[in-house]
Amino acid sequence: MKHLIYSLLLLTLITSCKQDVLTTTPLASLSITNTIVGGADAKLRGEPLTTIYNNGTGYFSLLTGSQDLYVYPQADSLHPYYHSNNKEMMNAGQIYSLFLGGTLDAVTSLLVHENEFTERDNNIRVRIVNLSPGCPPINVSLSTSTSVNEFSEIDFAE
């Protein structure tokens, strides 16, 4: 009887030590910035729990390959702010940014594939996107040197 118990214990230990195979799914990252003048909160199709607030940003993980990005106002899914018609190719481990701007009558979109991943010492990255329709070009200066423009003449959708 003692040998039978030890045999069953040994058999249990051997079968419980098998290695499980971990499968992962490659993903891409997408941030959506909603700055549509007079626009409503938006949703990305397939992500019902995340709301992209007006004048806000939402962050998403997407499957790789050809994606049909469909961003719509929360109250009206039939009239999208942005629809890519399966034309956006998302690569594994890559980061993408979608900027929505303009007005309700003329929504402007800008999809950017982020290329700079390396962290460098004493450097920062600044992105200025002018999505305000009807505004003059933007000039950006530091508060310490207002006479020198760091960025100048940034037109609409530039």
Foldseek 3Di string as FASTA:
>chain_A
DVVVVVVVVVVVVVVVPDDDDDDDAFKEKEKEAAAAVVAAWKDWPPCVPDIAGHRGMDIDIGGFAQDFTFIDHPVDSPDTLDTDPSPDGGDGPWYKYWYWYYYPVDIDIDIDTDDDDDDDPPDDDDDDAARYPPDFFDFDDDPVCVVDTPDTRHDHGD
